[in-house]
Every structure is written in structure tokens, then in C-alpha cells.
């Protein structure tokens, strides 16, 4: 059928054009961290103040990560969240491994065996009161704080720091840590 051949030709040309466009796009170097992380000091509770929303964390409230350094050098990683402030607290348990030679800044996090994800600690405040975390391909980013409250000025400053790492700061959305934050501008 002539229309069938024409459809295949158009489909082939379209696929070829898409592949050529992808090949022509400049490859970005993977993000690396230069941070030196004092792992024992990094352990404890970190509240997720903001992230680039993605499916496992989207719509969660009152989120935090709890880290505990194990005797074998790995890290117990517990992600704590609620689906709503009226709902029960839930916990996902994972284990992280620090990549040797990374200065404690590159972790491989596993919540479901055999899958793991890379996490980079990009910056930590000198007093370990906040941290910026990212992903080598810049897919994910987080702003962590030792307390669930962060004022807007500090948040805006930390969000803007992601630009130096090749992120678009406007992609970050705040996580409601308190009920009165739900539905506010800039929050998930």
C-alpha cells in the first residue's frame, strides 16, 4: 500500500532527525563534588526543605532523612514522611555506601535491592546546619536543614547556589514541613 510506505518513510525520517539532534547536543560533564564531609558530624536528622520534585518524593510532607553511621562504614538511611499532615508517619529504610576517595561526598543509596542511586553532598555549612545535595546528572537536588524551619532569605540564597552546579534554581520546590505551608506559592 503506498500510504503504508509513506508512513514508514516519514517515521524513519523523524526518528533519524531525533537521533541526529540528540547526537548533536553537547554532552555535559557529570557533576562532581569537591566537598569534604565529616561523616560522623553529618549523621543525624536532616529536614528536607526543598527538592526538585520527582515521583517517590512528590506530594510528601514533613519529610526528613535520618542517617546513622554503621560499624562497617556504611550508613543506615531512613526517609521519614507523611502523605498528609493528618496521615501517619511512614518510614523507608535504606543503606548508603560512601564511594572511596570521594571525601565522604559521593554516596550510593539503596532502598530497594539491587537498585541504587548516586547522591552528592555538594556543600555543607561550616556548622553543619544546612547541606546542598545533588546528583551526578543533575536530575535531583535537595536543600537539607537541621531544623524544619528555614527563613525565606536563607532559602533563596541556598537555592541560588545551585546555579553554580549547573542547575536551574527555579526547579526546586519547598516541602511543607508545617500544615500552614501546604498550598503556598513555591511549595509542592
Protein backbone atom coordinates (compact mmCIF):
# COMPACT_ATOMS: atom_id res chain seq x y z
CA UNK A 1 0.00 0.00 0.00
CA UNK A 2 1.53 3.37 -0.98
CA UNK A 3 0.27 5.18 2.15
CA UNK A 4 1.88 2.50 4.36
CA UNK A 5 5.27 3.05 2.68
CA UNK A 6 4.86 6.79 3.03
CA UNK A 7 4.09 6.47 6.76
CA UNK A 8 7.19 4.28 7.26
CA UNK A 9 9.32 6.78 5.34
CA UNK A 10 8.07 9.72 7.44
CA UNK A 11 8.54 7.70 10.63
CA UNK A 12 12.08 6.77 9.62
CA UNK A 13 12.96 10.35 8.72
CA UNK A 14 11.52 11.61 12.01
CA UNK A 15 13.46 9.02 14.02
CA UNK A 16 16.64 9.88 12.10
CA UNK A 17 16.15 13.59 12.79
CA UNK A 18 15.60 12.93 16.51
CA UNK A 19 18.74 10.76 16.72
CA UNK A 20 20.78 13.40 14.89
CA UNK A 21 19.51 16.12 17.24
CA UNK A 22 20.42 14.03 20.28
CA UNK A 23 23.87 13.28 18.89
CA UNK A 24 24.48 16.96 18.17
CA UNK A 25 23.53 18.06 21.69
CA UNK A 26 26.65 18.86 23.71
CA UNK A 27 27.34 16.30 26.40
CA UNK A 28 27.59 17.74 29.90
CA UNK A 29 30.26 16.58 32.23
CA UNK A 30 28.82 14.66 35.18
CA UNK A 31 28.60 16.74 38.32
CA UNK A 32 31.26 16.03 40.91
CA UNK A 33 31.55 17.29 44.46
CA UNK A 34 34.65 18.86 45.93
CA UNK A 35 33.17 18.89 49.43
CA UNK A 36 34.98 17.21 52.29
CA UNK A 37 32.32 15.70 54.53
CA UNK A 38 32.97 14.80 58.15
CA UNK A 39 30.72 11.73 58.14
CA UNK A 40 30.22 11.41 61.93
CA UNK A 41 29.24 15.09 62.03
CA UNK A 42 26.89 14.66 59.05
CA UNK A 43 24.96 11.87 60.79
CA UNK A 44 21.65 12.60 62.47
CA UNK A 45 18.42 14.18 61.30
CA UNK A 46 18.17 16.39 58.21
CA UNK A 47 14.85 18.01 57.24
CA UNK A 48 14.15 18.18 53.52
CA UNK A 49 13.46 21.87 52.98
CA UNK A 50 13.25 21.66 49.18
CA UNK A 51 13.91 19.35 46.25
CA UNK A 52 13.43 19.01 42.54
CA UNK A 53 10.15 17.07 42.64
CA UNK A 54 10.26 13.50 41.36
CA UNK A 55 7.87 10.59 41.76
CA UNK A 56 8.98 8.92 45.04
CA UNK A 57 9.06 12.20 46.99
CA UNK A 58 6.35 14.19 45.18
CA UNK A 59 3.44 15.18 47.42
CA UNK A 60 5.09 14.16 50.68
CA UNK A 61 5.05 16.49 53.71
CA UNK A 62 7.09 16.72 56.93
CA UNK A 63 9.96 14.86 55.27
CA UNK A 64 13.33 14.19 56.78
CA UNK A 65 16.30 11.87 56.41
CA UNK A 66 17.89 10.18 59.40
CA UNK A 67 21.45 8.94 58.99
CA UNK A 68 23.36 6.58 61.28
CA UNK A 69 26.96 5.54 60.62
CA UNK A 70 27.41 1.78 60.96
CA UNK A 71 30.45 -0.09 62.26
CA UNK A 72 31.07 -1.45 58.72
CA UNK A 73 31.36 2.10 57.34
CA UNK A 74 28.01 2.07 55.59
CA UNK A 75 25.16 4.40 56.56
CA UNK A 76 21.65 3.48 57.64
CA UNK A 77 19.37 5.88 55.77
CA UNK A 78 15.77 6.28 56.92
CA UNK A 79 13.47 8.52 54.87
CA UNK A 80 10.58 9.69 57.08
CA UNK A 81 7.47 11.32 55.61
CA UNK A 82 3.71 11.76 55.69
CA UNK A 83 1.34 11.73 52.74
CA UNK A 84 -0.62 14.45 54.55
CA UNK A 85 -0.35 16.14 57.93
CA UNK A 86 -3.43 14.20 59.06
CA UNK A 87 -1.87 10.90 57.98
CA UNK A 88 0.52 8.62 59.84
CA UNK A 89 4.28 8.95 59.68
CA UNK A 90 5.89 6.43 57.31
CA UNK A 91 9.48 5.23 57.01
CA UNK A 92 11.51 3.84 54.15
CA UNK A 93 14.74 2.11 55.20
CA UNK A 94 17.82 2.18 53.03
CA UNK A 95 21.57 1.72 53.24
CA UNK A 96 24.18 4.04 51.75
CA UNK A 97 27.76 3.34 50.84
CA UNK A 98 30.32 6.13 50.59
CA UNK A 99 32.36 5.92 47.39
CA UNK A 100 36.04 5.51 48.36
CA UNK A 101 38.19 8.55 47.60
CA UNK A 102 35.20 10.94 47.48
CA UNK A 103 35.97 12.73 50.75
CA UNK A 104 32.63 11.45 52.07
CA UNK A 105 30.73 13.46 49.43
CA UNK A 106 29.63 10.73 46.99
CA UNK A 107 27.14 8.17 48.27
CA UNK A 108 25.42 5.25 46.63
CA UNK A 109 21.98 4.93 48.23
CA UNK A 110 19.93 1.74 48.08
CA UNK A 111 16.32 1.49 49.27
CA UNK A 112 15.35 -1.49 47.08
CA UNK A 113 17.87 -4.19 46.22
CA UNK A 114 19.52 -4.33 43.67
CA UNK A 115 18.84 -0.72 42.64
CA UNK A 116 20.98 2.13 43.93
CA UNK A 117 21.21 5.84 43.18
CA UNK A 118 24.09 8.26 43.37
CA UNK A 119 23.93 11.18 45.77
CA UNK A 120 26.43 14.02 46.01
CA UNK A 121 26.89 16.21 49.05
CA UNK A 122 27.76 19.42 47.19
CA UNK A 123 28.12 21.76 50.15
CA UNK A 124 27.73 21.69 53.90
CA UNK A 125 27.54 24.76 56.13
CA UNK A 126 30.63 25.19 58.33
CA UNK A 127 28.43 24.48 61.36
CA UNK A 128 26.59 21.63 59.56
CA UNK A 129 23.27 23.49 59.86
CA UNK A 130 22.39 23.06 56.16
CA UNK A 131 23.54 20.99 53.21
CA UNK A 132 23.08 21.05 49.43
CA UNK A 133 22.79 17.67 47.75
CA UNK A 134 22.69 16.75 44.10
CA UNK A 135 23.00 14.01 41.52
CA UNK A 136 25.85 13.48 39.01
CA UNK A 137 23.47 14.04 36.07
CA UNK A 138 21.74 16.96 37.80
CA UNK A 139 18.41 15.13 37.84
CA UNK A 140 17.81 15.67 41.53
CA UNK A 141 18.67 18.30 44.11
CA UNK A 142 17.85 18.84 47.77
CA UNK A 143 18.25 21.52 50.40
CA UNK A 144 18.62 19.99 53.86
CA UNK A 145 18.47 21.69 57.24
CA UNK A 146 18.95 20.51 60.80
CA UNK A 147 15.68 22.22 61.72
CA UNK A 148 12.32 22.04 59.92
CA UNK A 149 12.12 25.84 59.60
CA UNK A 150 14.21 27.90 57.17
CA UNK A 151 13.52 31.57 56.59
CA UNK A 152 12.84 32.76 53.05
CA UNK A 153 16.07 34.78 52.77
CA UNK A 154 18.32 31.83 53.61
CA UNK A 155 16.26 29.52 51.40
CA UNK A 156 16.54 31.90 48.41
CA UNK A 157 20.31 32.20 48.93
CA UNK A 158 20.83 28.42 49.12
CA UNK A 159 18.54 27.77 46.15
CA UNK A 160 20.55 30.24 44.06
CA UNK A 161 23.81 28.44 44.94
CA UNK A 162 22.66 25.52 42.78
CA UNK A 163 23.20 27.66 39.65
CA UNK A 164 26.99 27.25 40.09
CA UNK A 165 26.48 23.48 39.82
CA UNK A 166 24.56 23.71 36.53
CA UNK A 167 21.04 23.52 37.98
CA UNK A 168 18.12 25.84 37.30
CA UNK A 169 17.25 27.06 40.82
CA UNK A 170 13.59 27.64 39.88
CA UNK A 171 13.20 23.85 39.52
CA UNK A 172 13.46 23.49 43.31
CA UNK A 173 10.20 23.44 45.27
CA UNK A 174 9.84 23.70 49.03
CA UNK A 175 8.49 20.78 51.03
CA UNK A 176 5.76 21.66 53.53
CA UNK A 177 7.17 20.97 56.99
CA UNK A 178 4.20 22.64 58.73
CA UNK A 179 0.46 22.48 57.88
CA UNK A 180 0.21 26.22 57.13
CA UNK A 181 2.73 25.82 54.28
CA UNK A 182 0.50 23.48 52.22
CA UNK A 183 -0.64 25.17 49.02
CA UNK A 184 1.57 28.23 49.42
CA UNK A 185 3.45 29.62 46.44
CA UNK A 186 6.77 27.86 45.84
CA UNK A 187 5.78 24.74 47.79
CA UNK A 188 4.91 21.35 46.34
